[in-house]
PDB file of N, CA and C in Angstrom:
ATOM      1  N   MET A   1      29.513  20.674  -3.240  1.00  0.00           N
ATOM      2  CA  MET A   1      28.814  21.605  -4.184  1.00  0.00           C
ATOM      3  C   MET A   1      27.986  20.637  -4.939  1.00  0.00           C
ATOM      4  N   GLU A   2      28.404  19.219  -5.167  1.00  0.00           N
ATOM      5  CA  GLU A   2      27.252  18.591  -5.626  1.00  0.00           C
ATOM      6  C   GLU A   2      26.016  18.332  -4.974  1.00  0.00           C
ATOM      7  N   LEU A   3      26.085  18.380  -3.694  1.00  0.00           N
ATOM      8  CA  LEU A   3      24.941  18.132  -2.684  1.00  0.00           C
ATOM      9  C   LEU A   3      24.253  19.670  -2.942  1.00  0.00           C
ATOM     10  N   LEU A   4      24.466  20.839  -3.407  1.00  0.00           N
ATOM     11  CA  LEU A   4      23.973  22.053  -3.426  1.00  0.00           C
ATOM     12  C   LEU A   4      22.876  21.545  -4.696  1.00  0.00           C
ATOM     13  N   PHE A   5      23.640  21.248  -5.859  1.00  0.00           N
ATOM     14  CA  PHE A   5      22.890  20.759  -7.153  1.00  0.00           C
ATOM     15  C   PHE A   5      21.842  19.700  -7.026  1.00  0.00           C
ATOM     16  N   VAL A   6      22.105  18.379  -6.249  1.00  0.00           N
ATOM     17  CA  VAL A   6      21.220  17.865  -5.940  1.00  0.00           C
ATOM     18  C   VAL A   6      20.087  17.999  -4.949  1.00  0.00           C
ATOM     19  N   ALA A   7      20.220  18.863  -4.047  1.00  0.00           N
ATOM     20  CA  ALA A   7      19.058  19.575  -3.309  1.00  0.00           C
ATOM     21  C   ALA A   7      18.104  20.538  -4.223  1.00  0.00           C
ATOM     22  N   LEU A   8      18.984  21.547  -5.261  1.00  0.00           N
ATOM     23  CA  LEU A   8      18.242  22.365  -6.249  1.00  0.00           C
ATOM     24  C   LEU A   8      17.285  21.348  -6.754  1.00  0.00           C
ATOM     25  N   PHE A   9      17.602  20.408  -7.504  1.00  0.00           N
ATOM     26  CA  PHE A   9      17.010  19.247  -8.346  1.00  0.00           C
ATOM     27  C   PHE A   9      15.774  18.861  -7.655  1.00  0.00           C
ATOM     28  N   GLY A  10      16.205  18.380  -6.699  1.00  0.00           N
ATOM     29  CA  GLY A  10      15.225  17.726  -5.584  1.00  0.00           C
ATOM     30  C   GLY A  10      14.008  18.698  -5.484  1.00  0.00           C
ATOM     31  N   ALA A  11      14.521  20.058  -4.991  1.00  0.00           N
ATOM     32  CA  ALA A  11      13.266  21.002  -5.185  1.00  0.00           C
ATOM     33  C   ALA A  11      12.284  21.094  -6.513  1.00  0.00           C
ATOM     34  N   VAL A  12      13.032  21.264  -7.693  1.00  0.00           N
ATOM     35  CA  VAL A  12      12.465  21.214  -8.857  1.00  0.00           C
ATOM     36  C   VAL A  12      11.489  20.367  -9.156  1.00  0.00           C
ATOM     37  N   ILE A  13      12.112  18.984  -8.443  1.00  0.00           N
ATOM     38  CA  ILE A  13      11.148  17.708  -8.654  1.00  0.00           C
ATOM     39  C   ILE A  13      10.047  18.116  -7.791  1.00  0.00           C
ATOM     40  N   GLY A  14      10.225  18.280  -6.780  1.00  0.00           N
ATOM     41  CA  GLY A  14       8.730  18.844  -5.667  1.00  0.00           C
ATOM     42  C   GLY A  14       8.065  19.815  -6.374  1.00  0.00           C
ATOM     43  N   LEU A  15       8.671  20.975  -7.048  1.00  0.00           N
ATOM     44  CA  LEU A  15       7.648  21.946  -7.267  1.00  0.00           C
ATOM     45  C   LEU A  15       6.729  21.272  -8.760  1.00  0.00           C
ATOM     46  N   GLY A  16       7.488  20.231  -9.278  1.00  0.00           N
ATOM     47  CA  GLY A  16       6.593  19.867 -10.416  1.00  0.00           C
ATOM     48  C   GLY A  16       5.805  18.852 -10.043  1.00  0.00           C
ATOM     49  N   ALA A  17       5.997  18.099  -9.043  1.00  0.00           N
ATOM     50  CA  ALA A  17       5.002  17.378  -8.284  1.00  0.00           C
ATOM     51  C   ALA A  17       3.930  17.871  -7.682  1.00  0.00           C
ATOM     52  N   ARG A  18       3.843  19.190  -7.255  1.00  0.00           N
ATOM     53  CA  ARG A  18       3.165  20.156  -6.596  1.00  0.00           C
ATOM     54  C   ARG A  18       2.148  20.504  -7.697  1.00  0.00           C
ATOM     55  N   TYR A  19       2.672  20.923  -8.655  1.00  0.00           N
ATOM     56  CA  TYR A  19       2.080  21.935  -9.586  1.00  0.00           C
ATOM     57  C   TYR A  19       1.221  20.599 -11.062  1.00  0.00           C
ATOM     58  N   LEU A  20       1.946  19.326 -10.864  1.00  0.00           N
ATOM     59  CA  LEU A  20       1.199  18.561 -12.174  1.00  0.00           C
ATOM     60  C   LEU A  20       0.128  17.667 -11.446  1.00  0.00           C
ATOM     61  N   LEU A  21       0.259  17.357 -10.108  1.00  0.00           N
ATOM     62  CA  LEU A  21      -0.695  16.454  -9.428  1.00  0.00           C
ATOM     63  C   LEU A  21      -2.002  16.940  -8.620  1.00  0.00           C
ATOM     64  N   PRO A  22      -2.911  16.323  -8.501  1.00  0.00           N
ATOM     65  CA  PRO A  22      -4.172  16.800  -8.033  1.00  0.00           C
ATOM     66  C   PRO A  22      -3.530  17.120  -6.353  1.00  0.00           C
ATOM     67  N   GLY A  23      -4.754  17.819  -5.666  1.00  0.00           N
ATOM     68  CA  GLY A  23      -4.598  17.953  -4.209  1.00  0.00           C
ATOM     69  C   GLY A  23      -3.591  19.248  -3.951  1.00  0.00           C
ATOM     70  N   ARG A  24      -3.390  19.980  -4.976  1.00  0.00           N
ATOM     71  CA  ARG A  24      -2.638  21.153  -4.502  1.00  0.00           C
ATOM     72  C   ARG A  24      -3.159  22.188  -3.259  1.00  0.00           C
ATOM     73  N   SER A  25      -4.544  22.385  -3.372  1.00  0.00           N
ATOM     74  CA  SER A  25      -5.131  22.860  -2.129  1.00  0.00           C
ATOM     75  C   SER A  25      -5.198  22.282  -0.985  1.00  0.00           C
ATOM     76  N   THR A  26      -4.604  21.116  -0.737  1.00  0.00           N
ATOM     77  CA  THR A  26      -4.759  20.600   0.676  1.00  0.00           C
ATOM     78  C   THR A  26      -3.561  20.790   1.558  1.00  0.00           C
ATOM     79  N   GLN A  27      -2.428  21.336   0.665  1.00  0.00           N
ATOM     80  CA  GLN A  27      -1.439  21.512   1.523  1.00  0.00           C
ATOM     81  C   GLN A  27      -0.686  22.617   1.060  1.00  0.00           C
ATOM     82  N   GLY A  28       0.716  23.246   1.969  1.00  0.00           N
ATOM     83  CA  GLY A  28       1.170  24.292   1.645  1.00  0.00           C
ATOM     84  C   GLY A  28       2.156  24.393   0.557  1.00  0.00           C
ATOM     85  N   SER A  29       2.513  25.470   0.347  1.00  0.00           N
ATOM     86  CA  SER A  29       2.988  25.686  -1.020  1.00  0.00           C
ATOM     87  C   SER A  29       4.313  24.944  -0.826  1.00  0.00           C
ATOM     88  N   VAL A  30       5.149  24.984   0.164  1.00  0.00           N
ATOM     89  CA  VAL A  30       6.432  24.391   0.310  1.00  0.00           C
ATOM     90  C   VAL A  30       6.711  23.072   0.799  1.00  0.00           C
ATOM     91  N   LEU A  31       5.371  22.560   0.890  1.00  0.00           N
ATOM     92  CA  LEU A  31       5.624  20.749   1.488  1.00  0.00           C
ATOM     93  C   LEU A  31       6.185  19.865   0.435  1.00  0.00           C
ATOM     94  N   VAL A  32       5.706  19.945  -0.413  1.00  0.00           N
ATOM     95  CA  VAL A  32       5.976  18.978  -1.428  1.00  0.00           C
ATOM     96  C   VAL A  32       7.689  18.949  -1.879  1.00  0.00           C
ATOM     97  N   PRO A  33       8.032  20.211  -2.300  1.00  0.00           N
ATOM     98  CA  PRO A  33       9.011  20.629  -2.579  1.00  0.00           C
ATOM     99  C   PRO A  33       9.920  20.625  -1.687  1.00  0.00           C
ATOM    100  N   ALA A  34       9.669  20.765  -0.459  1.00  0.00           N
ATOM    101  CA  ALA A  34      10.586  20.430   0.655  1.00  0.00           C
ATOM    102  C   ALA A  34      11.093  18.993   0.986  1.00  0.00           C
ATOM    103  N   ILE A  35       9.818  18.440   0.579  1.00  0.00           N
ATOM    104  CA  ILE A  35      10.029  16.342   0.396  1.00  0.00           C
ATOM    105  C   ILE A  35      10.992  16.510  -0.525  1.00  0.00           C
ATOM    106  N   GLY A  36      10.838  16.684  -1.827  1.00  0.00           N
ATOM    107  CA  GLY A  36      11.953  16.292  -2.479  1.00  0.00           C
ATOM    108  C   GLY A  36      12.944  16.976  -2.239  1.00  0.00           C
ATOM    109  N   THR A  37      13.581  17.769  -1.838  1.00  0.00           N
ATOM    110  CA  THR A  37      14.497  18.556  -1.414  1.00  0.00           C
ATOM    111  C   THR A  37      15.515  17.640  -0.693  1.00  0.00           C
ATOM    112  N   ALA A  38      14.676  17.478   0.371  1.00  0.00           N
ATOM    113  CA  ALA A  38      15.027  16.407   1.796  1.00  0.00           C
ATOM    114  C   ALA A  38      15.064  14.972   1.354  1.00  0.00           C
ATOM    115  N   THR A  39      14.388  14.539   0.512  1.00  0.00           N
ATOM    116  CA  THR A  39      14.691  12.895   0.397  1.00  0.00           C
ATOM    117  C   THR A  39      16.070  12.993  -0.859  1.00  0.00           C
ATOM    118  N   ALA A  40      15.997  13.872  -2.035  1.00  0.00           N
ATOM    119  CA  ALA A  40      17.406  13.764  -2.423  1.00  0.00           C
ATOM    120  C   ALA A  40      18.820  13.880  -1.825  1.00  0.00           C
ATOM    121  N   SER A  41      18.488  14.833  -0.844  1.00  0.00           N
ATOM    122  CA  SER A  41      19.491  14.941  -0.102  1.00  0.00           C
ATOM    123  C   SER A  41      20.112  14.263   0.804  1.00  0.00           C
ATOM    124  N   ALA A  42      19.333  13.245   1.270  1.00  0.00           N
ATOM    125  CA  ALA A  42      19.281  12.240   2.454  1.00  0.00           C
ATOM    126  C   ALA A  42      19.655  10.751   1.536  1.00  0.00           C
ATOM    127  N   VAL A  43      19.060  10.898   0.326  1.00  0.00           N
ATOM    128  CA  VAL A  43      19.670   9.568  -0.292  1.00  0.00           C
ATOM    129  C   VAL A  43      21.086   9.703  -0.935  1.00  0.00           C
ATOM    130  N   TRP A  44      21.296  11.195  -1.379  1.00  0.00           N
ATOM    131  CA  TRP A  44      22.834  11.462  -1.990  1.00  0.00           C
ATOM    132  C   TRP A  44      23.967  11.244  -0.821  1.00  0.00           C
ATOM    133  N   VAL A  45      23.434  11.798   0.439  1.00  0.00           N
ATOM    134  CA  VAL A  45      24.579  11.879   1.404  1.00  0.00           C
ATOM    135  C   VAL A  45      24.483  10.091   1.893  1.00  0.00           C
ATOM    136  N   GLY A  46      23.805   9.480   1.955  1.00  0.00           N
ATOM    137  CA  GLY A  46      23.692   8.010   2.067  1.00  0.00           C
ATOM    138  C   GLY A  46      24.475   7.060   1.410  1.00  0.00           C
ATOM    139  N   LEU A  47      24.704   7.755   0.059  1.00  0.00           N
ATOM    140  CA  LEU A  47      24.979   6.914  -0.914  1.00  0.00           C
ATOM    141  C   LEU A  47      26.494   7.121  -1.081  1.00  0.00           C
ATOM    142  N   THR A  48      26.879   8.842  -0.797  1.00  0.00           N
ATOM    143  CA  THR A  48      28.252   8.996  -0.639  1.00  0.00           C
ATOM    144  C   THR A  48      28.879   8.313   0.971  1.00  0.00           C
ATOM    145  N   TRP A  49      28.015   8.116   1.684  1.00  0.00           N
ATOM    146  CA  TRP A  49      28.740   7.504   2.913  1.00  0.00           C
ATOM    147  C   TRP A  49      28.999   6.034   2.340  1.00  0.00           C
ATOM    148  N   LEU A  50      28.198   5.335   1.480  1.00  0.00           N
ATOM    149  CA  LEU A  50      28.343   4.207   1.376  1.00  0.00           C
ATOM    150  C   LEU A  50      29.752   3.991   0.234  1.00  0.00           C
ATOM    151  N   GLY A  51      30.193   5.349  -0.311  1.00  0.00           N
ATOM    152  CA  GLY A  51      31.495   4.774  -0.807  1.00  0.00           C
ATOM    153  C   GLY A  51      30.994   5.084  -2.405  1.00  0.00           C
ATOM    154  N   TRP A  52      30.103   5.462  -2.429  1.00  0.00           N
ATOM    155  CA  TRP A  52      29.555   6.007  -4.017  1.00  0.00           C
ATOM    156  C   TRP A  52      30.239   7.508  -4.654  1.00  0.00           C
ATOM    157  N   ASN A  53      30.627   7.058  -5.813  1.00  0.00           N
ATOM    158  CA  ASN A  53      31.301   8.241  -6.088  1.00  0.00           C
ATOM    159  C   ASN A  53      30.517   9.210  -6.808  1.00  0.00           C
ATOM    160  N   TRP A  54      30.510  10.216  -6.803  1.00  0.00           N
ATOM    161  CA  TRP A  54      29.659  11.554  -6.984  1.00  0.00           C
ATOM    162  C   TRP A  54      29.854  11.925  -8.368  1.00  0.00           C
ATOM    163  N   ALA A  55      30.618  11.190  -9.276  1.00  0.00           N
ATOM    164  CA  ALA A  55      30.854  11.774 -10.523  1.00  0.00           C
ATOM    165  C   ALA A  55      30.336  10.649 -11.461  1.00  0.00           C
ATOM    166  N   GLY A  56      29.947   9.373 -10.799  1.00  0.00           N
ATOM    167  CA  GLY A  56      29.015   8.109 -11.431  1.00  0.00           C
ATOM    168  C   GLY A  56      27.499   8.752 -11.739  1.00  0.00           C
ATOM    169  N   GLY A  57      27.061   7.998 -12.635  1.00  0.00           N
ATOM    170  CA  GLY A  57      25.545   8.640 -12.926  1.00  0.00           C
ATOM    171  C   GLY A  57      24.572   8.044 -12.219  1.00  0.00           C
ATOM    172  N   TRP A  58      24.641   6.833 -11.838  1.00  0.00           N
ATOM    173  CA  TRP A  58      23.833   6.083 -10.671  1.00  0.00           C
ATOM    174  C   TRP A  58      23.387   6.873  -9.706  1.00  0.00           C
ATOM    175  N   ILE A  59      24.516   7.338  -8.670  1.00  0.00           N
ATOM    176  CA  ILE A  59      24.269   8.259  -7.782  1.00  0.00           C
ATOM    177  C   ILE A  59      23.267   9.253  -7.870  1.00  0.00           C
ATOM    178  N   TRP A  60      23.571  10.154  -9.033  1.00  0.00           N
ATOM    179  CA  TRP A  60      22.251  10.900  -9.717  1.00  0.00           C
ATOM    180  C   TRP A  60      21.155  10.421  -9.811  1.00  0.00           C
ATOM    181  N   TRP A  61      20.931   9.172 -10.696  1.00  0.00           N
ATOM    182  CA  TRP A  61      19.910   8.674 -11.173  1.00  0.00           C
ATOM    183  C   TRP A  61      18.578   8.304  -9.820  1.00  0.00           C
ATOM    184  N   LEU A  62      19.622   7.605  -8.974  1.00  0.00           N
ATOM    185  CA  LEU A  62      18.999   7.328  -7.802  1.00  0.00           C
ATOM    186  C   LEU A  62      18.671   8.250  -6.845  1.00  0.00           C
ATOM    187  N   SER A  63      19.385   9.292  -6.465  1.00  0.00           N
ATOM    188  CA  SER A  63      19.047  10.217  -5.429  1.00  0.00           C
ATOM    189  C   SER A  63      17.902  11.231  -5.981  1.00  0.00           C
ATOM    190  N   LEU A  64      17.713  11.231  -7.626  1.00  0.00           N
ATOM    191  CA  LEU A  64      16.549  12.134  -8.173  1.00  0.00           C
ATOM    192  C   LEU A  64      15.501  11.133  -8.326  1.00  0.00           C
ATOM    193  N   GLY A  65      15.759   9.951  -8.666  1.00  0.00           N
ATOM    194  CA  GLY A  65      14.627   9.321  -8.906  1.00  0.00           C
ATOM    195  C   GLY A  65      13.752   9.189  -7.412  1.00  0.00           C
ATOM    196  N   ALA A  66      14.410   8.957  -6.371  1.00  0.00           N
ATOM    197  CA  ALA A  66      14.076   8.734  -5.040  1.00  0.00           C
ATOM    198  C   ALA A  66      13.307  10.165  -4.819  1.00  0.00           C
ATOM    199  N   ALA A  67      13.918  11.303  -5.422  1.00  0.00           N
ATOM    200  CA  ALA A  67      13.025  12.501  -4.781  1.00  0.00           C
ATOM    201  C   ALA A  67      11.767  12.503  -5.605  1.00  0.00           C
ATOM    202  N   ALA A  68      11.617  12.054  -6.625  1.00  0.00           N
ATOM    203  CA  ALA A  68      10.601  11.877  -7.703  1.00  0.00           C
ATOM    204  C   ALA A  68       9.213  11.212  -6.815  1.00  0.00           C
ATOM    205  N   ALA A  69       9.662   9.845  -6.397  1.00  0.00           N
ATOM    206  CA  ALA A  69       8.672   8.846  -5.878  1.00  0.00           C
ATOM    207  C   ALA A  69       8.330   9.465  -4.522  1.00  0.00           C
ATOM    208  N   ALA A  70       9.459  10.001  -3.873  1.00  0.00           N
ATOM    209  CA  ALA A  70       8.745  10.404  -2.630  1.00  0.00           C
ATOM    210  C   ALA A  70       7.694  11.605  -2.572  1.00  0.00           C
ATOM    211  N   SER A  71       8.459  12.507  -3.388  1.00  0.00           N
ATOM    212  CA  SER A  71       7.150  13.553  -3.881  1.00  0.00           C
ATOM    213  C   SER A  71       5.946  13.125  -4.431  1.00  0.00           C
ATOM    214  N   VAL A  72       5.902  12.328  -5.532  1.00  0.00           N
ATOM    215  CA  VAL A  72       4.662  12.048  -6.117  1.00  0.00           C
ATOM    216  C   VAL A  72       3.824  11.256  -5.119  1.00  0.00           C
ATOM    217  N   VAL A  73       4.368   9.879  -4.307  1.00  0.00           N
ATOM    218  CA  VAL A  73       3.448   9.389  -3.560  1.00  0.00           C
ATOM    219  C   VAL A  73       2.828  10.192  -1.869  1.00  0.00           C
ATOM    220  N   LEU A  74       3.722  10.898  -1.516  1.00  0.00           N
ATOM    221  CA  LEU A  74       3.637  11.522  -0.501  1.00  0.00           C
ATOM    222  C   LEU A  74       2.396  12.967  -0.725  1.00  0.00           C
ATOM    223  N   ASN A  75       2.705  13.490  -2.144  1.00  0.00           N
ATOM    224  CA  ASN A  75       1.831  14.728  -2.362  1.00  0.00           C
ATOM    225  C   ASN A  75       0.171  13.579  -2.358  1.00  0.00           C
ATOM    226  N   LEU A  76       0.196  12.631  -3.286  1.00  0.00           N
ATOM    227  CA  LEU A  76      -1.254  11.638  -3.448  1.00  0.00           C
ATOM    228  C   LEU A  76      -1.615  11.510  -2.011  1.00  0.00           C
ATOM    229  N   LEU A  77      -0.837  10.657  -1.069  1.00  0.00           N
ATOM    230  CA  LEU A  77      -0.893  10.410   0.190  1.00  0.00           C
ATOM    231  C   LEU A  77      -1.502  11.658   1.069  1.00  0.00           C
ATOM    232  N   ILE A  78      -1.073  12.690   1.308  1.00  0.00           N
ATOM    233  CA  ILE A  78      -1.145  13.865   2.320  1.00  0.00           C
ATOM    234  C   ILE A  78      -2.556  14.391   1.420  1.00  0.00           C
ATOM    235  N   GLY A  79      -2.577  15.038   0.515  1.00  0.00           N
ATOM    236  CA  GLY A  79      -3.869  15.079  -0.120  1.00  0.00           C
ATOM    237  C   GLY A  79      -5.127  14.285   0.076  1.00  0.00           C
ATOM    238  N   ARG A  80      -4.775  12.727  -0.214  1.00  0.00           N
ATOM    239  CA  ARG A  80      -6.142  11.862   0.179  1.00  0.00           C
ATOM    240  C   ARG A  80      -6.461  12.035   1.638  1.00  0.00           C
ATOM    241  N   ARG A  81      -5.614  12.027   2.392  1.00  0.00           N
ATOM    242  CA  ARG A  81      -5.835  12.091   3.884  1.00  0.00           C
ATOM    243  C   ARG A  81      -6.246  13.147   4.293  1.00  0.00           C
ATOM    244  N   ARG A  82      -6.076  14.448   3.725  1.00  0.00           N
ATOM    245  CA  ARG A  82      -6.481  15.626   4.093  1.00  0.00           C
ATOM    246  C   ARG A  82      -8.227  15.998   3.732  1.00  0.00           C
ATOM    247  N   ILE A  83      -8.200  15.410   2.573  1.00  0.00           N
ATOM    248  CA  ILE A  83      -9.897  15.392   1.745  1.00  0.00           C
ATOM    249  C   ILE A  83     -10.363  14.769   2.785  1.00  0.00           C
ATOM    250  N   HIS A  84     -10.127  13.105   3.444  1.00  0.00           N
ATOM    251  CA  HIS A  84     -10.646  12.725   4.180  1.00  0.00           C
ATOM    252  C   HIS A  84     -10.930  13.032   5.270  1.00  0.00           C
ATOM    253  N   ALA A  85      -9.818  13.788   6.355  1.00  0.00           N
ATOM    254  CA  ALA A  85     -10.250  14.330   7.370  1.00  0.00           C
ATOM    255  C   ALA A  85     -11.240  15.207   7.494  1.00  0.00           C
ATOM    256  N   ASP A  86     -11.034  16.697   6.301  1.00  0.00           N
ATOM    257  CA  ASP A  86     -11.855  17.549   6.226  1.00  0.00           C
ATOM    258  C   ASP A  86     -13.366  17.034   6.213  1.00  0.00           C
ATOM    259  N   GLN A  87     -13.543  15.657   5.442  1.00  0.00           N
ATOM    260  CA  GLN A  87     -15.150  15.642   5.207  1.00  0.00           C
ATOM    261  C   GLN A  87     -15.559  14.991   6.830  1.00  0.00           C
ATOM    262  N   ARG A  88     -14.574  14.065   7.318  1.00  0.00           N
ATOM    263  CA  ARG A  88     -14.920  13.855   8.668  1.00  0.00           C
ATOM    264  C   ARG A  88     -15.523  14.851   9.406  1.00  0.00           C
ATOM    265  N   MET A  89     -14.300  15.796   9.646  1.00  0.00           N
ATOM    266  CA  MET A  89     -14.606  17.099  10.493  1.00  0.00           C
ATOM    267  C   MET A  89     -16.030  17.683  10.155  1.00  0.00           C
ATOM    268  N   LEU A  90     -16.449  17.803   8.999  1.00  0.00           N
ATOM    269  CA  LEU A  90     -17.781  18.720   8.432  1.00  0.00           C
ATOM    270  C   LEU A  90     -18.721  17.683   8.768  1.00  0.00           C
ATOM    271  N   GLN A  91     -18.481  16.154   8.760  1.00  0.00           N
ATOM    272  CA  GLN A  91     -19.567  15.775   8.972  1.00  0.00           C
ATOM    273  C   GLN A  91     -19.922  15.725  10.562  1.00  0.00           C
ATOM    274  N   ARG A  92     -18.695  15.741  11.485  1.00  0.00           N
ATOM    275  CA  ARG A  92     -18.901  15.843  13.163  1.00  0.00           C
ATOM    276  C   ARG A  92     -19.562  17.430  13.301  1.00  0.00           C
ATOM    277  N   LEU A  93     -18.993  18.117  12.718  1.00  0.00           N
ATOM    278  CA  LEU A  93     -19.792  19.594  13.177  1.00  0.00           C
ATOM    279  C   LEU A  93     -21.386  19.670  12.376  1.00  0.00           C
ATOM    280  N   ALA A  94     -21.452  18.746  11.337  1.00  0.00           N
ATOM    281  CA  ALA A  94     -22.954  18.929  11.071  1.00  0.00           C
ATOM    282  C   ALA A  94     -23.684  18.078  11.909  1.00  0.00           C
ATOM    283  N   LYS A  95     -23.423  16.935  12.578  1.00  0.00           N
ATOM    284  CA  LYS A  95     -24.127  16.307  13.715  1.00  0.00           C
ATOM    285  C   LYS A  95     -24.349  17.231  15.233  1.00  0.00           C
ATOM    286  N   THR A  96     -23.001  17.745  15.558  1.00  0.00           N
ATOM    287  CA  THR A  96     -23.112  18.300  16.703  1.00  0.00           C
ATOM    288  C   THR A  96     -23.310  19.994  17.013  1.00  0.00           C
ATOM    289  N   GLY A  97     -23.390  20.631  15.368  1.00  0.00           N
ATOM    290  CA  GLY A  97     -23.675  21.991  15.517  1.00  0.00           C
ATOM    291  C   GLY A  97     -22.357  22.599  15.352  1.00  0.00           C
ATOM    292  N   SER A  98     -22.146  23.711  15.820  1.00  0.00           N
ATOM    293  CA  SER A  98     -20.812  24.727  15.600  1.00  0.00           C
ATOM    294  C   SER A  98     -20.379  24.669  16.706  1.00  0.00           C
ATOM    295  N   PRO A  99     -19.242  24.468  16.679  1.00  0.00           N
ATOM    296  CA  PRO A  99     -18.389  23.871  18.067  1.00  0.00           C
ATOM    297  C   PRO A  99     -18.360  25.334  18.978  1.00  0.00           C
ATOM    298  N   ASP A 100     -18.629  25.197  20.159  1.00  0.00           N
ATOM    299  CA  ASP A 100     -18.175  26.472  21.122  1.00  0.00           C
ATOM    300  C   ASP A 100     -16.995  26.927  21.030  1.00  0.00           C
ATOM    301  N   ILE A 101     -17.025  28.324  20.962  1.00  0.00           N
ATOM    302  CA  ILE A 101     -15.594  29.150  21.012  1.00  0.00           C
ATOM    303  C   ILE A 101     -15.343  29.661  22.329  1.00  0.00           C
ATOM    304  N   ALA A 102     -14.607  29.300  23.069  1.00  0.00           N
ATOM    305  CA  ALA A 102     -14.405  29.654  24.522  1.00  0.00           C
ATOM    306  C   ALA A 102     -13.749  31.360  24.594  1.00  0.00           C
TER     307      ALA A 102
END
């Protein structure tokens, strides 16, 4: 049951990162919340396998903190890489003309 709550909180953290950080238009609407959900869930499961108690506060802080860090870092990284890739594509198309469509 706690894993469900951790996944939900991870999704909310990812949603916050998506809408509070720049680069929202460069990725899909579910990508960053999915990153937050997956990270929080993976860290939670890993820590429970290591024997951490789910009732303790540290497992919550670490799982949700990792979700926040991953959501922020990957949101900024994906946005920056996508903008650069789009600019390179635009320059390449400007040099060669419009692409041939078969």
